[in-house]
Amino acid sequence: MGEPVVSGAASAGQRWIYFRAPWGMQFELVSFPDGKAYESDAETLLWHPARPAE
């Protein structure tokens, strides 16, 4: 449904794309390949799937 989009501002580094499944349902894939922009200078990080106990 288009090319991947790179976000800016508070969502800097976020990439997303919409696509349709073979049965017609629309999906959105979201990725932060380099982490979230706010995390670069934050003392407290939000939950991360690689570190669920933290």
C-alpha atoms as a PDB file:
ATOM      1  CA  MET A   1       0.000   0.000   0.000  1.00  0.00           C
ATOM      2  CA  GLY A   2       3.045   2.214  -0.344  1.00  0.00           C
ATOM      3  CA  GLU A   3       6.659   2.597   0.629  1.00  0.00           C
ATOM      4  CA  PRO A   4       7.894   2.536   4.238  1.00  0.00           C
ATOM      5  CA  VAL A   5       7.601   5.916   5.985  1.00  0.00           C
ATOM      6  CA  VAL A   6      10.199   7.354   8.390  1.00  0.00           C
ATOM      7  CA  SER A   7       8.746   9.493  11.185  1.00  0.00           C
ATOM      8  CA  GLY A   8      10.307  12.534  12.843  1.00  0.00           C
ATOM      9  CA  ALA A   9       9.947  14.669  16.016  1.00  0.00           C
ATOM     10  CA  ALA A  10       8.994  12.603  19.096  1.00  0.00           C
ATOM     11  CA  SER A  11       8.817   9.472  16.934  1.00  0.00           C
ATOM     12  CA  ALA A  12      12.176  10.028  15.234  1.00  0.00           C
ATOM     13  CA  GLY A  13      13.577   6.763  13.939  1.00  0.00           C
ATOM     14  CA  GLN A  14      10.201   5.071  13.684  1.00  0.00           C
ATOM     15  CA  ARG A  15       9.430   3.338  10.413  1.00  0.00           C
ATOM     16  CA  TRP A  16       6.008   2.086   9.407  1.00  0.00           C
ATOM     17  CA  ILE A  17       4.172   0.647   6.449  1.00  0.00           C
ATOM     18  CA  TYR A  18       0.603  -0.455   5.723  1.00  0.00           C
ATOM     19  CA  PHE A  19      -0.183  -3.617   3.789  1.00  0.00           C
ATOM     20  CA  ARG A  20      -3.092  -5.923   3.079  1.00  0.00           C
ATOM     21  CA  ALA A  21      -3.236  -9.616   3.888  1.00  0.00           C
ATOM     22  CA  PRO A  22      -4.256 -11.971   1.093  1.00  0.00           C
ATOM     23  CA  TRP A  23      -7.795 -12.049   2.594  1.00  0.00           C
ATOM     24  CA  GLY A  24      -8.066  -8.217   2.470  1.00  0.00           C
ATOM     25  CA  MET A  25      -7.431  -7.204   6.080  1.00  0.00           C
ATOM     26  CA  GLN A  26      -5.263  -4.099   6.488  1.00  0.00           C
ATOM     27  CA  PHE A  27      -2.183  -4.297   8.744  1.00  0.00           C
ATOM     28  CA  GLU A  28       0.420  -1.828   9.961  1.00  0.00           C
ATOM     29  CA  LEU A  29       4.000  -2.827  10.736  1.00  0.00           C
ATOM     30  CA  VAL A  30       5.908  -0.458  13.031  1.00  0.00           C
ATOM     31  CA  SER A  31       9.633  -0.613  13.739  1.00  0.00           C
ATOM     32  CA  PHE A  32      12.145   1.381  15.791  1.00  0.00           C
ATOM     33  CA  PRO A  33      15.359  -0.196  14.422  1.00  0.00           C
ATOM     34  CA  ASP A  34      17.647   2.199  16.332  1.00  0.00           C
ATOM     35  CA  GLY A  35      15.457   2.545  19.421  1.00  0.00           C
ATOM     36  CA  LYS A  36      13.035   5.334  20.301  1.00  0.00           C
ATOM     37  CA  ALA A  37      14.267   8.939  20.148  1.00  0.00           C
ATOM     38  CA  TYR A  38      13.248   9.767  23.744  1.00  0.00           C
ATOM     39  CA  GLU A  39      15.304   6.820  25.044  1.00  0.00           C
ATOM     40  CA  SER A  40      18.610   8.387  24.025  1.00  0.00           C
ATOM     41  CA  ASP A  41      18.539  10.805  26.983  1.00  0.00           C
ATOM     42  CA  ALA A  42      15.915   9.279  29.287  1.00  0.00           C
ATOM     43  CA  GLU A  43      16.860   7.968  32.704  1.00  0.00           C
ATOM     44  CA  THR A  44      13.822   5.700  32.891  1.00  0.00           C
ATOM     45  CA  LEU A  45      13.002   3.495  29.913  1.00  0.00           C
ATOM     46  CA  LEU A  46       9.588   2.050  29.225  1.00  0.00           C
ATOM     47  CA  TRP A  47       9.024  -1.700  29.015  1.00  0.00           C
ATOM     48  CA  HIS A  48      11.052  -3.515  26.369  1.00  0.00           C
ATOM     49  CA  PRO A  49      10.282  -7.045  25.132  1.00  0.00           C
ATOM     50  CA  ALA A  50      13.961  -8.033  25.356  1.00  0.00           C
ATOM     51  CA  ARG A  51      14.014  -7.010  29.058  1.00  0.00           C
ATOM     52  CA  PRO A  52      10.519  -7.751  30.426  1.00  0.00           C
ATOM     53  CA  ALA A  53      11.625  -7.957  34.068  1.00  0.00           C
ATOM     54  CA  GLU A  54      13.143  -4.458  34.111  1.00  0.00           C
END
